[in-house]
Amino acid sequence: MFKPPRLKPGDRVATVSLSWGGPSVFPQRYQAGVLQLQKEFDLQVVEMPNTLKDADWLARNPKARAEDLMQAFADPSIKGIFSTIGGSDSIRLLPYIDFNVIRDNPKIFMGYSDTTISHLMCYKAGLVSFYGPAVMLEFAENGGMFPYVVQSVKKTLFSSEPIGEIKPDTGGWTMERLEWGDPAHQERRRKLTPSNGWKFLQGSGICQGHLVGGCIEVFDWARGTILFPEQWKDAILFLEASEDVPPPDFVRYFLRVFAAMGILRQLSGILFGRPYDKEERFPEYDQAILQVVRDEEGLTDLPVITRMDFGHTSPMFVLPYGVQAEIDCDHRCFSIMENAVID
């Protein structure tokens, strides 16, 4: 895997709308995210030709969205690429992607949710990319970015030192919905729910492996395409569910397919993000995972951590694809063992 150069203050970064055209629907929300990229990280933000286009037009033109991504990678003045928001159809970009452009122009790419597809494109090209904040969400967080997110972005994207241990956020989490169309909401901090930390469901000892995963529903769409990863030996699979919060049966079926494909037995561990907005899903998802991994497959020593601070939850930390991570079940900690960017 190629690691991209780290970001530096003053760098130019591009914003791309690879799925839903959110910036055209809620321009003030998009601008709030841009402001935080400038204020917190001293980055120069540029839009690609179609980033701000009408959402309906973008929905009809996946080729134009793909061209934005290719142009952003090919432009040597752009040092990073940030997804504006997720959606549901970035799989439609696949026919228009030139993997050589990504491979020959390594740079930071970050987003989550439907952006999982674009991450798998980078992974196919051999480039480390970053499952983390989007412009209209974490960067545009109501009342300003959460310190936990700022710290993770700086440590992961701006430093070439090994990332090290990732600790649970202790300040509380939120998925409160505040209407983006009301400008007054932008300055109001969302209500926080006390965090009880992560849950180590099972496992023993210390296990290491490379990180790969994404939004569970979107990742499932890649099966049968050239994007589906081939190297699963010793991988640490990270998964999280979208705001649709699929039923526990979906998680169960997904893992059963991975078991049937021989993938589960190759893994070094499983990480699962905190489900969106529904605390009743926490134990239900845990049980679905244990039913397949422990009860059906007998993988009682496979480390599994759930309710983690990534994906469709706020605040979140950044996960870099392809780099080595470690799960220490004895001390109940998770670490990213190497740097994700280079000088």
C-alpha atoms as a PDB file:
ATOM      1  CA  MET A   1       0.000   0.000   0.000  1.00  0.00           C
ATOM      2  CA  PHE A   2       1.189   3.517  -0.835  1.00  0.00           C
ATOM      3  CA  LYS A   3       0.919   6.096   1.937  1.00  0.00           C
ATOM      4  CA  PRO A   4       0.085   9.660   0.881  1.00  0.00           C
ATOM      5  CA  PRO A   5       2.121  12.703   1.944  1.00  0.00           C
ATOM      6  CA  ARG A   6       0.893  14.292   5.167  1.00  0.00           C
ATOM      7  CA  LEU A   7      -1.125  17.482   5.158  1.00  0.00           C
ATOM      8  CA  LYS A   8       0.513  20.745   6.159  1.00  0.00           C
ATOM      9  CA  PRO A   9      -0.976  24.114   7.105  1.00  0.00           C
ATOM     10  CA  GLY A  10      -1.631  26.124   3.962  1.00  0.00           C
ATOM     11  CA  ASP A  11      -2.206  23.077   1.732  1.00  0.00           C
ATOM     12  CA  ARG A  12      -4.926  23.140  -0.910  1.00  0.00           C
ATOM     13  CA  VAL A  13      -7.615  20.482  -0.433  1.00  0.00           C
ATOM     14  CA  ALA A  14     -10.520  19.660  -2.724  1.00  0.00           C
ATOM     15  CA  THR A  15     -14.110  18.936  -1.766  1.00  0.00           C
ATOM     16  CA  VAL A  16     -16.025  16.427  -3.890  1.00  0.00           C
ATOM     17  CA  SER A  17     -19.699  15.414  -3.996  1.00  0.00           C
ATOM     18  CA  LEU A  18     -19.441  11.765  -5.004  1.00  0.00           C
ATOM     19  CA  SER A  19     -22.965  10.752  -4.031  1.00  0.00           C
ATOM     20  CA  TRP A  20     -25.751  13.031  -2.782  1.00  0.00           C
ATOM     21  CA  GLY A  21     -25.446  16.701  -3.747  1.00  0.00           C
ATOM     22  CA  GLY A  22     -25.868  17.990  -0.209  1.00  0.00           C
ATOM     23  CA  PRO A  23     -23.995  21.289  -0.683  1.00  0.00           C
ATOM     24  CA  SER A  24     -26.653  22.534  -3.107  1.00  0.00           C
ATOM     25  CA  VAL A  25     -29.485  21.641  -0.727  1.00  0.00           C
ATOM     26  CA  PHE A  26     -27.908  23.044   2.453  1.00  0.00           C
ATOM     27  CA  PRO A  27     -25.249  25.516   1.261  1.00  0.00           C
ATOM     28  CA  GLN A  28     -24.914  27.129   4.695  1.00  0.00           C
ATOM     29  CA  ARG A  29     -24.108  23.756   6.236  1.00  0.00           C
ATOM     30  CA  TYR A  30     -21.456  23.083   3.607  1.00  0.00           C
ATOM     31  CA  GLN A  31     -19.913  26.505   4.186  1.00  0.00           C
ATOM     32  CA  ALA A  32     -19.783  25.833   7.926  1.00  0.00           C
ATOM     33  CA  GLY A  33     -17.661  22.763   7.178  1.00  0.00           C
ATOM     34  CA  VAL A  34     -15.392  24.714   4.852  1.00  0.00           C
ATOM     35  CA  LEU A  35     -14.916  27.364   7.541  1.00  0.00           C
ATOM     36  CA  GLN A  36     -13.768  24.745  10.044  1.00  0.00           C
ATOM     37  CA  LEU A  37     -11.302  23.250   7.556  1.00  0.00           C
ATOM     38  CA  GLN A  38      -9.845  26.728   7.236  1.00  0.00           C
ATOM     39  CA  LYS A  39     -10.037  27.706  10.908  1.00  0.00           C
ATOM     40  CA  GLU A  40      -8.984  24.486  12.659  1.00  0.00           C
ATOM     41  CA  PHE A  41      -6.465  23.182  10.126  1.00  0.00           C
ATOM     42  CA  ASP A  42      -5.381  26.221   8.074  1.00  0.00           C
ATOM     43  CA  LEU A  43      -6.273  24.523   4.795  1.00  0.00           C
ATOM     44  CA  GLN A  44      -7.206  26.210   1.527  1.00  0.00           C
ATOM     45  CA  VAL A  45     -10.465  24.681   0.310  1.00  0.00           C
ATOM     46  CA  VAL A  46     -11.285  24.442  -3.399  1.00  0.00           C
ATOM     47  CA  GLU A  47     -14.370  22.947  -4.992  1.00  0.00           C
ATOM     48  CA  MET A  48     -14.184  20.690  -8.016  1.00  0.00           C
ATOM     49  CA  PRO A  49     -16.299  21.707 -11.046  1.00  0.00           C
ATOM     50  CA  ASN A  50     -19.384  19.780  -9.915  1.00  0.00           C
ATOM     51  CA  THR A  51     -19.100  19.845  -6.122  1.00  0.00           C
ATOM     52  CA  LEU A  52     -21.805  22.489  -5.726  1.00  0.00           C
ATOM     53  CA  LYS A  53     -24.033  21.392  -8.610  1.00  0.00           C
ATOM     54  CA  ASP A  54     -27.736  20.793  -8.089  1.00  0.00           C
ATOM     55  CA  ALA A  55     -28.444  17.516  -6.304  1.00  0.00           C
ATOM     56  CA  ASP A  56     -30.844  16.303  -9.003  1.00  0.00           C
ATOM     57  CA  TRP A  57     -28.264  17.040 -11.709  1.00  0.00           C
ATOM     58  CA  LEU A  58     -25.568  15.142  -9.810  1.00  0.00           C
ATOM     59  CA  ALA A  59     -27.920  12.194  -9.389  1.00  0.00           C
ATOM     60  CA  ARG A  60     -28.273  12.016 -13.171  1.00  0.00           C
ATOM     61  CA  ASN A  61     -24.562  12.392 -13.858  1.00  0.00           C
ATOM     62  CA  PRO A  62     -22.355   9.848 -12.089  1.00  0.00           C
ATOM     63  CA  LYS A  63     -19.700  10.305 -14.770  1.00  0.00           C
ATOM     64  CA  ALA A  64     -19.323  13.979 -13.823  1.00  0.00           C
ATOM     65  CA  ARG A  65     -18.874  13.014 -10.176  1.00  0.00           C
ATOM     66  CA  ALA A  66     -16.211  10.489 -11.130  1.00  0.00           C
ATOM     67  CA  GLU A  67     -14.461  13.092 -13.277  1.00  0.00           C
ATOM     68  CA  ASP A  68     -14.283  15.408 -10.263  1.00  0.00           C
ATOM     69  CA  LEU A  69     -12.544  12.688  -8.277  1.00  0.00           C
ATOM     70  CA  MET A  70     -10.113  11.915 -11.087  1.00  0.00           C
ATOM     71  CA  GLN A  71      -9.340  15.600 -11.616  1.00  0.00           C
ATOM     72  CA  ALA A  72      -8.725  16.110  -7.898  1.00  0.00           C
ATOM     73  CA  PHE A  73      -6.259  13.212  -7.813  1.00  0.00           C
ATOM     74  CA  ALA A  74      -4.508  14.344 -10.988  1.00  0.00           C
ATOM     75  CA  ASP A  75      -4.041  17.978  -9.884  1.00  0.00           C
ATOM     76  CA  PRO A  76      -0.569  18.236  -8.254  1.00  0.00           C
ATOM     77  CA  SER A  77      -1.554  21.411  -6.394  1.00  0.00           C
ATOM     78  CA  ILE A  78      -4.219  19.529  -4.423  1.00  0.00           C
ATOM     79  CA  LYS A  79      -2.863  17.661  -1.393  1.00  0.00           C
ATOM     80  CA  GLY A  80      -6.060  16.174   0.006  1.00  0.00           C
ATOM     81  CA  ILE A  81      -9.594  15.273  -1.055  1.00  0.00           C
ATOM     82  CA  PHE A  82     -12.582  15.444   1.295  1.00  0.00           C
ATOM     83  CA  SER A  83     -16.030  14.003   0.637  1.00  0.00           C
ATOM     84  CA  THR A  84     -18.802  16.524   1.242  1.00  0.00           C
ATOM     85  CA  ILE A  85     -21.309  13.914   2.450  1.00  0.00           C
ATOM     86  CA  GLY A  86     -22.500  10.376   1.802  1.00  0.00           C
ATOM     87  CA  GLY A  87     -25.565   9.146  -0.045  1.00  0.00           C
ATOM     88  CA  SER A  88     -26.549   5.891  -1.688  1.00  0.00           C
ATOM     89  CA  ASP A  89     -25.255   5.552  -5.227  1.00  0.00           C
ATOM     90  CA  SER A  90     -21.497   6.126  -5.521  1.00  0.00           C
ATOM     91  CA  ILE A  91     -21.237   2.551  -6.842  1.00  0.00           C
ATOM     92  CA  ARG A  92     -22.403   4.114 -10.128  1.00  0.00           C
ATOM     93  CA  LEU A  93     -19.029   5.882 -10.445  1.00  0.00           C
ATOM     94  CA  LEU A  94     -17.137   2.611 -10.892  1.00  0.00           C
ATOM     95  CA  PRO A  95     -17.255   2.436 -14.727  1.00  0.00           C
ATOM     96  CA  TYR A  96     -15.601   5.863 -14.970  1.00  0.00           C
ATOM     97  CA  ILE A  97     -12.693   5.355 -12.541  1.00  0.00           C
ATOM     98  CA  ASP A  98      -9.092   5.199 -13.771  1.00  0.00           C
ATOM     99  CA  PHE A  99      -7.208   3.331 -11.061  1.00  0.00           C
ATOM    100  CA  ASN A 100      -3.879   4.410 -12.540  1.00  0.00           C
ATOM    101  CA  VAL A 101      -4.737   8.048 -11.811  1.00  0.00           C
ATOM    102  CA  ILE A 102      -5.232   7.191  -8.134  1.00  0.00           C
ATOM    103  CA  ARG A 103      -2.135   4.978  -8.014  1.00  0.00           C
ATOM    104  CA  ASP A 104       0.121   7.538  -9.707  1.00  0.00           C
ATOM    105  CA  ASN A 105      -1.040  10.501  -7.593  1.00  0.00           C
ATOM    106  CA  PRO A 106      -1.114   9.391  -3.953  1.00  0.00           C
ATOM    107  CA  LYS A 107      -2.832  11.928  -1.714  1.00  0.00           C
ATOM    108  CA  ILE A 108      -5.142  11.968   1.260  1.00  0.00           C
ATOM    109  CA  PHE A 109      -8.749  10.977   0.623  1.00  0.00           C
ATOM    110  CA  MET A 110     -11.311  11.000   3.454  1.00  0.00           C
ATOM    111  CA  GLY A 111     -15.016  10.432   4.010  1.00  0.00           C
ATOM    112  CA  TYR A 112     -17.390   7.744   5.270  1.00  0.00           C
ATOM    113  CA  SER A 113     -20.791   6.115   4.725  1.00  0.00           C
ATOM    114  CA  ASP A 114     -21.432   5.754   0.964  1.00  0.00           C
ATOM    115  CA  THR A 115     -17.871   6.987   0.467  1.00  0.00           C
ATOM    116  CA  THR A 116     -16.945   3.403   1.413  1.00  0.00           C
ATOM    117  CA  ILE A 117     -17.094   2.678  -2.325  1.00  0.00           C
ATOM    118  CA  SER A 118     -14.504   5.362  -3.086  1.00  0.00           C
ATOM    119  CA  HIS A 119     -12.293   3.986  -0.319  1.00  0.00           C
ATOM    120  CA  LEU A 120     -12.449   0.564  -1.938  1.00  0.00           C
ATOM    121  CA  MET A 121     -11.398   2.217  -5.199  1.00  0.00           C
ATOM    122  CA  CYS A 122      -8.353   3.645  -3.435  1.00  0.00           C
ATOM    123  CA  TYR A 123      -7.698   0.284  -1.780  1.00  0.00           C
ATOM    124  CA  LYS A 124      -7.855  -1.428  -5.182  1.00  0.00           C
ATOM    125  CA  ALA A 125      -5.320   1.095  -6.475  1.00  0.00           C
ATOM    126  CA  GLY A 126      -3.048   0.409  -3.503  1.00  0.00           C
ATOM    127  CA  LEU A 127      -3.496   3.769  -1.777  1.00  0.00           C
ATOM    128  CA  VAL A 128      -4.061   4.227   1.963  1.00  0.00           C
ATOM    129  CA  SER A 129      -7.239   6.282   2.442  1.00  0.00           C
ATOM    130  CA  PHE A 130      -9.067   7.456   5.543  1.00  0.00           C
ATOM    131  CA  TYR A 131     -12.477   6.453   6.880  1.00  0.00           C
ATOM    132  CA  GLY A 132     -13.401   9.576   8.768  1.00  0.00           C
ATOM    133  CA  PRO A 133     -15.131  12.968   8.873  1.00  0.00           C
ATOM    134  CA  ALA A 134     -17.086  14.491   5.991  1.00  0.00           C
ATOM    135  CA  VAL A 135     -17.337  18.211   5.269  1.00  0.00           C
ATOM    136  CA  MET A 136     -21.052  18.628   6.010  1.00  0.00           C
ATOM    137  CA  LEU A 137     -21.045  16.461   9.103  1.00  0.00           C
ATOM    138  CA  GLU A 138     -18.105  16.384  11.515  1.00  0.00           C
ATOM    139  CA  PHE A 139     -16.347  19.424  10.055  1.00  0.00           C
ATOM    140  CA  ALA A 140     -19.656  21.323  10.104  1.00  0.00           C
ATOM    141  CA  GLU A 141     -20.621  20.048  13.561  1.00  0.00           C
ATOM    142  CA  ASN A 142     -23.167  22.217  15.371  1.00  0.00           C
ATOM    143  CA  GLY A 143     -21.384  24.542  17.755  1.00  0.00           C
ATOM    144  CA  GLY A 144     -17.963  23.718  16.301  1.00  0.00           C
ATOM    145  CA  MET A 145     -15.971  20.522  15.868  1.00  0.00           C
ATOM    146  CA  PHE A 146     -15.621  18.099  18.741  1.00  0.00           C
ATOM    147  CA  PRO A 147     -12.065  18.146  20.173  1.00  0.00           C
ATOM    148  CA  TYR A 148     -11.911  14.339  19.855  1.00  0.00           C
ATOM    149  CA  VAL A 149     -12.368  14.671  16.074  1.00  0.00           C
ATOM    150  CA  VAL A 150      -9.865  17.511  15.723  1.00  0.00           C
ATOM    151  CA  GLN A 151      -7.255  15.543  17.646  1.00  0.00           C
ATOM    152  CA  SER A 152      -7.762  12.422  15.525  1.00  0.00           C
ATOM    153  CA  VAL A 153      -7.581  14.313  12.227  1.00  0.00           C
ATOM    154  CA  LYS A 154      -4.389  16.110  13.232  1.00  0.00           C
ATOM    155  CA  LYS A 155      -2.741  12.976  14.587  1.00  0.00           C
ATOM    156  CA  THR A 156      -3.673  10.868  11.550  1.00  0.00           C
ATOM    157  CA  LEU A 157      -3.391  13.255   8.590  1.00  0.00           C
ATOM    158  CA  PHE A 158      -0.878  15.893   9.710  1.00  0.00           C
ATOM    159  CA  SER A 159       1.748  13.750  11.448  1.00  0.00           C
ATOM    160  CA  SER A 160       4.005  11.051  10.020  1.00  0.00           C
ATOM    161  CA  GLU A 161       4.585   9.559  13.478  1.00  0.00           C
ATOM    162  CA  PRO A 162       2.956   6.215  14.388  1.00  0.00           C
ATOM    163  CA  ILE A 163      -0.637   6.890  15.411  1.00  0.00           C
ATOM    164  CA  GLY A 164      -0.560   4.707  18.510  1.00  0.00           C
ATOM    165  CA  GLU A 165      -3.368   3.886  20.918  1.00  0.00           C
ATOM    166  CA  ILE A 166      -6.868   5.110  20.120  1.00  0.00           C
ATOM    167  CA  LYS A 167      -8.869   5.699  23.266  1.00  0.00           C
ATOM    168  CA  PRO A 168     -12.663   5.912  23.593  1.00  0.00           C
ATOM    169  CA  ASP A 169     -14.106   9.394  23.749  1.00  0.00           C
ATOM    170  CA  THR A 170     -15.139  10.232  27.304  1.00  0.00           C
ATOM    171  CA  GLY A 171     -17.078  13.418  26.595  1.00  0.00           C
ATOM    172  CA  GLY A 172     -20.272  11.717  25.506  1.00  0.00           C
ATOM    173  CA  TRP A 173     -21.734  10.905  22.103  1.00  0.00           C
ATOM    174  CA  THR A 174     -24.655  12.289  20.122  1.00  0.00           C
ATOM    175  CA  MET A 175     -26.899  11.562  17.183  1.00  0.00           C
ATOM    176  CA  GLU A 176     -29.467  14.215  17.985  1.00  0.00           C
ATOM    177  CA  ARG A 177     -31.048  15.475  14.771  1.00  0.00           C
ATOM    178  CA  LEU A 178     -31.124  19.249  14.355  1.00  0.00           C
ATOM    179  CA  GLU A 179     -32.705  20.567  11.173  1.00  0.00           C
ATOM    180  CA  TRP A 180     -29.967  21.899   8.892  1.00  0.00           C
ATOM    181  CA  GLY A 181     -32.387  24.285   7.230  1.00  0.00           C
ATOM    182  CA  ASP A 182     -32.634  26.378  10.410  1.00  0.00           C
ATOM    183  CA  PRO A 183     -29.505  28.598  10.618  1.00  0.00           C
ATOM    184  CA  ALA A 184     -29.999  29.036  14.382  1.00  0.00           C
ATOM    185  CA  HIS A 185     -29.235  25.355  14.903  1.00  0.00           C
ATOM    186  CA  GLN A 186     -25.721  25.696  13.525  1.00  0.00           C
ATOM    187  CA  GLU A 187     -24.484  27.340  16.725  1.00  0.00           C
ATOM    188  CA  ARG A 188     -26.335  25.012  19.081  1.00  0.00           C
ATOM    189  CA  ARG A 189     -24.359  22.089  20.491  1.00  0.00           C
ATOM    190  CA  ARG A 190     -26.253  18.817  20.206  1.00  0.00           C
ATOM    191  CA  LYS A 191     -27.245  16.954  23.366  1.00  0.00           C
ATOM    192  CA  LEU A 192     -24.655  14.461  24.522  1.00  0.00           C
ATOM    193  CA  THR A 193     -25.353  10.977  25.872  1.00  0.00           C
ATOM    194  CA  PRO A 194     -22.867   9.711  28.482  1.00  0.00           C
ATOM    195  CA  SER A 195     -20.448   7.199  27.007  1.00  0.00           C
ATOM    196  CA  ASN A 196     -19.756   3.874  28.663  1.00  0.00           C
ATOM    197  CA  GLY A 197     -16.778   3.231  26.429  1.00  0.00           C
ATOM    198  CA  TRP A 198     -16.274   0.376  24.017  1.00  0.00           C
ATOM    199  CA  LYS A 199     -17.328  -3.196  24.620  1.00  0.00           C
ATOM    200  CA  PHE A 200     -14.818  -6.025  24.241  1.00  0.00           C
ATOM    201  CA  LEU A 201     -17.208  -8.827  23.328  1.00  0.00           C
ATOM    202  CA  GLN A 202     -14.681 -11.623  23.186  1.00  0.00           C
ATOM    203  CA  GLY A 203     -11.089 -12.555  22.367  1.00  0.00           C
ATOM    204  CA  SER A 204      -7.823 -13.148  24.147  1.00  0.00           C
ATOM    205  CA  GLY A 205      -4.211 -12.083  23.827  1.00  0.00           C
ATOM    206  CA  ILE A 206      -2.832  -9.617  21.275  1.00  0.00           C
ATOM    207  CA  CYS A 207      -3.770  -9.737  17.593  1.00  0.00           C
ATOM    208  CA  GLN A 208      -2.483  -7.586  14.739  1.00  0.00           C
ATOM    209  CA  GLY A 209      -3.610  -7.022  11.166  1.00  0.00           C
ATOM    210  CA  HIS A 210      -4.299  -4.506   8.426  1.00  0.00           C
ATOM    211  CA  LEU A 211      -7.473  -2.426   8.546  1.00  0.00           C
ATOM    212  CA  VAL A 212     -10.230  -2.783   5.943  1.00  0.00           C
ATOM    213  CA  GLY A 213     -13.977  -2.201   6.078  1.00  0.00           C
ATOM    214  CA  GLY A 214     -16.573   0.562   5.984  1.00  0.00           C
ATOM    215  CA  CYS A 215     -20.335   1.041   6.179  1.00  0.00           C
ATOM    216  CA  ILE A 216     -21.782  -2.468   6.336  1.00  0.00           C
ATOM    217  CA  GLU A 217     -24.636  -1.873   3.864  1.00  0.00           C
ATOM    218  CA  VAL A 218     -22.384  -0.146   1.322  1.00  0.00           C
ATOM    219  CA  PHE A 219     -19.543  -2.639   1.717  1.00  0.00           C
ATOM    220  CA  ASP A 220     -22.018  -5.372   0.849  1.00  0.00           C
ATOM    221  CA  TRP A 221     -22.697  -3.688  -2.521  1.00  0.00           C
ATOM    222  CA  ALA A 222     -19.086  -4.246  -3.552  1.00  0.00           C
ATOM    223  CA  ARG A 223     -19.353  -8.038  -3.473  1.00  0.00           C
ATOM    224  CA  GLY A 224     -18.972  -9.452  -6.972  1.00  0.00           C
ATOM    225  CA  THR A 225     -17.242  -6.341  -8.303  1.00  0.00           C
ATOM    226  CA  ILE A 226     -13.553  -5.660  -8.845  1.00  0.00           C
ATOM    227  CA  LEU A 227     -13.648  -3.524  -5.692  1.00  0.00           C
ATOM    228  CA  PHE A 228     -14.158  -6.377  -3.263  1.00  0.00           C
ATOM    229  CA  PRO A 229     -10.878  -6.892  -1.358  1.00  0.00           C
ATOM    230  CA  GLU A 230      -8.839  -9.999  -2.100  1.00  0.00           C
ATOM    231  CA  GLN A 231      -6.368  -9.997   0.790  1.00  0.00           C
ATOM    232  CA  TRP A 232      -8.103 -11.071   4.000  1.00  0.00           C
ATOM    233  CA  LYS A 233      -5.326 -12.946   5.761  1.00  0.00           C
ATOM    234  CA  ASP A 234      -4.869 -11.370   9.222  1.00  0.00           C
ATOM    235  CA  ALA A 235      -7.118  -8.416   8.360  1.00  0.00           C
ATOM    236  CA  ILE A 236      -8.941  -6.444  11.043  1.00  0.00           C
ATOM    237  CA  LEU A 237     -12.427  -5.860   9.647  1.00  0.00           C
ATOM    238  CA  PHE A 238     -14.117  -2.622  10.729  1.00  0.00           C
ATOM    239  CA  LEU A 239     -17.843  -2.209  10.148  1.00  0.00           C
ATOM    240  CA  GLU A 240     -20.554   0.268  11.090  1.00  0.00           C
ATOM    241  CA  ALA A 241     -24.176   0.819  10.154  1.00  0.00           C
ATOM    242  CA  SER A 242     -25.715   3.814   8.397  1.00  0.00           C
ATOM    243  CA  GLU A 243     -28.443   6.092   9.701  1.00  0.00           C
ATOM    244  CA  ASP A 244     -30.935   3.570   8.278  1.00  0.00           C
ATOM    245  CA  VAL A 245     -29.894   1.313  11.179  1.00  0.00           C
ATOM    246  CA  PRO A 246     -30.473  -2.052   9.491  1.00  0.00           C
ATOM    247  CA  PRO A 247     -32.036  -4.788  11.621  1.00  0.00           C
ATOM    248  CA  PRO A 248     -29.748  -7.166  13.505  1.00  0.00           C
ATOM    249  CA  ASP A 249     -30.642  -9.868  10.972  1.00  0.00           C
ATOM    250  CA  PHE A 250     -28.782  -7.881   8.295  1.00  0.00           C
ATOM    251  CA  VAL A 251     -25.606  -7.962  10.394  1.00  0.00           C
ATOM    252  CA  ARG A 252     -26.151 -11.681  11.000  1.00  0.00           C
ATOM    253  CA  TYR A 253     -26.634 -12.437   7.291  1.00  0.00           C
ATOM    254  CA  PHE A 254     -23.646 -10.297   6.297  1.00  0.00           C
ATOM    255  CA  LEU A 255     -21.324 -12.176   8.643  1.00  0.00           C
ATOM    256  CA  ARG A 256     -22.728 -15.540   7.569  1.00  0.00           C
ATOM    257  CA  VAL A 257     -21.785 -14.739   3.984  1.00  0.00           C
ATOM    258  CA  PHE A 258     -18.281 -13.801   5.114  1.00  0.00           C
ATOM    259  CA  ALA A 259     -18.130 -17.106   6.975  1.00  0.00           C
ATOM    260  CA  ALA A 260     -19.264 -19.031   3.886  1.00  0.00           C
ATOM    261  CA  MET A 261     -16.622 -17.239   1.806  1.00  0.00           C
ATOM    262  CA  GLY A 262     -13.927 -18.341   4.230  1.00  0.00           C
ATOM    263  CA  ILE A 263     -13.171 -14.756   5.276  1.00  0.00           C
ATOM    264  CA  LEU A 264     -14.089 -14.856   8.971  1.00  0.00           C
ATOM    265  CA  ARG A 265     -11.511 -17.534   9.728  1.00  0.00           C
ATOM    266  CA  GLN A 266      -8.762 -15.419   8.184  1.00  0.00           C
ATOM    267  CA  LEU A 267      -9.439 -12.312  10.265  1.00  0.00           C
ATOM    268  CA  SER A 268      -7.356 -11.052  13.176  1.00  0.00           C
ATOM    269  CA  GLY A 269     -10.272  -9.132  14.635  1.00  0.00           C
ATOM    270  CA  ILE A 270     -13.559  -7.300  14.125  1.00  0.00           C
ATOM    271  CA  LEU A 271     -14.365  -3.702  15.075  1.00  0.00           C
ATOM    272  CA  PHE A 272     -17.960  -2.437  15.049  1.00  0.00           C
ATOM    273  CA  GLY A 273     -18.978   1.208  15.323  1.00  0.00           C
ATOM    274  CA  ARG A 274     -21.678   2.555  17.617  1.00  0.00           C
ATOM    275  CA  PRO A 275     -25.089   2.188  15.891  1.00  0.00           C
ATOM    276  CA  TYR A 276     -26.806   5.416  14.892  1.00  0.00           C
ATOM    277  CA  ASP A 277     -29.313   6.914  17.309  1.00  0.00           C
ATOM    278  CA  LYS A 278     -30.757   3.661  18.643  1.00  0.00           C
ATOM    279  CA  GLU A 279     -29.334   2.403  21.915  1.00  0.00           C
ATOM    280  CA  GLU A 280     -31.633  -0.615  21.771  1.00  0.00           C
ATOM    281  CA  ARG A 281     -29.578  -1.781  18.802  1.00  0.00           C
ATOM    282  CA  PHE A 282     -26.386  -2.021  20.901  1.00  0.00           C
ATOM    283  CA  PRO A 283     -27.113  -5.402  22.541  1.00  0.00           C
ATOM    284  CA  GLU A 284     -29.001  -6.632  19.476  1.00  0.00           C
ATOM    285  CA  TYR A 285     -26.006  -6.082  17.195  1.00  0.00           C
ATOM    286  CA  ASP A 286     -23.670  -7.587  19.800  1.00  0.00           C
ATOM    287  CA  GLN A 287     -25.796 -10.720  19.931  1.00  0.00           C
ATOM    288  CA  ALA A 288     -25.981 -10.983  16.132  1.00  0.00           C
ATOM    289  CA  ILE A 289     -22.188 -10.813  15.886  1.00  0.00           C
ATOM    290  CA  LEU A 290     -21.667 -13.368  18.655  1.00  0.00           C
ATOM    291  CA  GLN A 291     -24.224 -15.754  17.175  1.00  0.00           C
ATOM    292  CA  VAL A 292     -22.255 -16.039  13.938  1.00  0.00           C
ATOM    293  CA  VAL A 293     -18.669 -15.603  15.149  1.00  0.00           C
ATOM    294  CA  ARG A 294     -18.813 -17.550  18.409  1.00  0.00           C
ATOM    295  CA  ASP A 295     -21.829 -19.873  18.286  1.00  0.00           C
ATOM    296  CA  GLU A 296     -21.982 -20.839  14.607  1.00  0.00           C
ATOM    297  CA  GLU A 297     -18.320 -20.614  13.584  1.00  0.00           C
ATOM    298  CA  GLY A 298     -16.697 -21.438  16.930  1.00  0.00           C
ATOM    299  CA  LEU A 299     -14.232 -18.547  16.644  1.00  0.00           C
ATOM    300  CA  THR A 300     -14.180 -17.926  20.376  1.00  0.00           C
ATOM    301  CA  ASP A 301     -10.690 -16.406  20.394  1.00  0.00           C
ATOM    302  CA  LEU A 302     -11.342 -13.883  17.588  1.00  0.00           C
ATOM    303  CA  PRO A 303     -11.218 -10.388  19.153  1.00  0.00           C
ATOM    304  CA  VAL A 304     -14.402  -8.377  18.690  1.00  0.00           C
ATOM    305  CA  ILE A 305     -14.865  -4.788  19.919  1.00  0.00           C
ATOM    306  CA  THR A 306     -18.216  -3.032  19.489  1.00  0.00           C
ATOM    307  CA  ARG A 307     -19.811   0.377  20.201  1.00  0.00           C
ATOM    308  CA  MET A 308     -16.666   2.131  18.959  1.00  0.00           C
ATOM    309  CA  ASP A 309     -16.355   5.821  18.064  1.00  0.00           C
ATOM    310  CA  PHE A 310     -16.315   5.636  14.275  1.00  0.00           C
ATOM    311  CA  GLY A 311     -18.844   5.814  11.462  1.00  0.00           C
ATOM    312  CA  HIS A 312     -22.352   7.189  11.922  1.00  0.00           C
ATOM    313  CA  THR A 313     -21.767   8.492  15.423  1.00  0.00           C
ATOM    314  CA  SER A 314     -20.366  11.729  16.798  1.00  0.00           C
ATOM    315  CA  PRO A 315     -17.634  12.302  17.699  1.00  0.00           C
ATOM    316  CA  MET A 316     -15.487   9.865  15.700  1.00  0.00           C
ATOM    317  CA  PHE A 317     -11.877   8.881  15.141  1.00  0.00           C
ATOM    318  CA  VAL A 318     -10.199   8.228  11.784  1.00  0.00           C
ATOM    319  CA  LEU A 319      -9.401   4.731  10.484  1.00  0.00           C
ATOM    320  CA  PRO A 320      -6.727   4.409   7.760  1.00  0.00           C
ATOM    321  CA  TYR A 321      -7.171   1.582   5.272  1.00  0.00           C
ATOM    322  CA  GLY A 322      -4.395  -0.966   4.900  1.00  0.00           C
ATOM    323  CA  VAL A 323      -2.218   0.015   7.852  1.00  0.00           C
ATOM    324  CA  GLN A 324      -1.354  -2.299  10.729  1.00  0.00           C
ATOM    325  CA  ALA A 325      -3.473  -2.147  13.867  1.00  0.00           C
ATOM    326  CA  GLU A 326      -3.482  -4.092  17.108  1.00  0.00           C
ATOM    327  CA  ILE A 327      -6.169  -5.350  19.467  1.00  0.00           C
ATOM    328  CA  ASP A 328      -4.911  -6.090  22.970  1.00  0.00           C
ATOM    329  CA  CYS A 329      -7.675  -8.033  24.665  1.00  0.00           C
ATOM    330  CA  ASP A 330      -5.776  -8.450  27.925  1.00  0.00           C
ATOM    331  CA  HIS A 331      -5.402  -4.702  28.453  1.00  0.00           C
ATOM    332  CA  ARG A 332      -8.552  -3.810  26.520  1.00  0.00           C
ATOM    333  CA  CYS A 333      -6.997  -1.367  24.105  1.00  0.00           C
ATOM    334  CA  PHE A 334      -6.864  -0.742  20.370  1.00  0.00           C
ATOM    335  CA  SER A 335      -3.880   0.825  18.608  1.00  0.00           C
ATOM    336  CA  ILE A 336      -2.801   1.768  15.103  1.00  0.00           C
ATOM    337  CA  MET A 337       0.771   0.581  15.052  1.00  0.00           C
ATOM    338  CA  GLU A 338       2.230   2.646  12.214  1.00  0.00           C
ATOM    339  CA  ASN A 339       2.007   5.997  10.534  1.00  0.00           C
ATOM    340  CA  ALA A 340      -0.641   6.467   7.847  1.00  0.00           C
ATOM    341  CA  VAL A 341       1.054   9.351   6.012  1.00  0.00           C
ATOM    342  CA  ILE A 342       4.637  10.171   5.058  1.00  0.00           C
ATOM    343  CA  ASP A 343       6.733  13.342   5.065  1.00  0.00           C
END
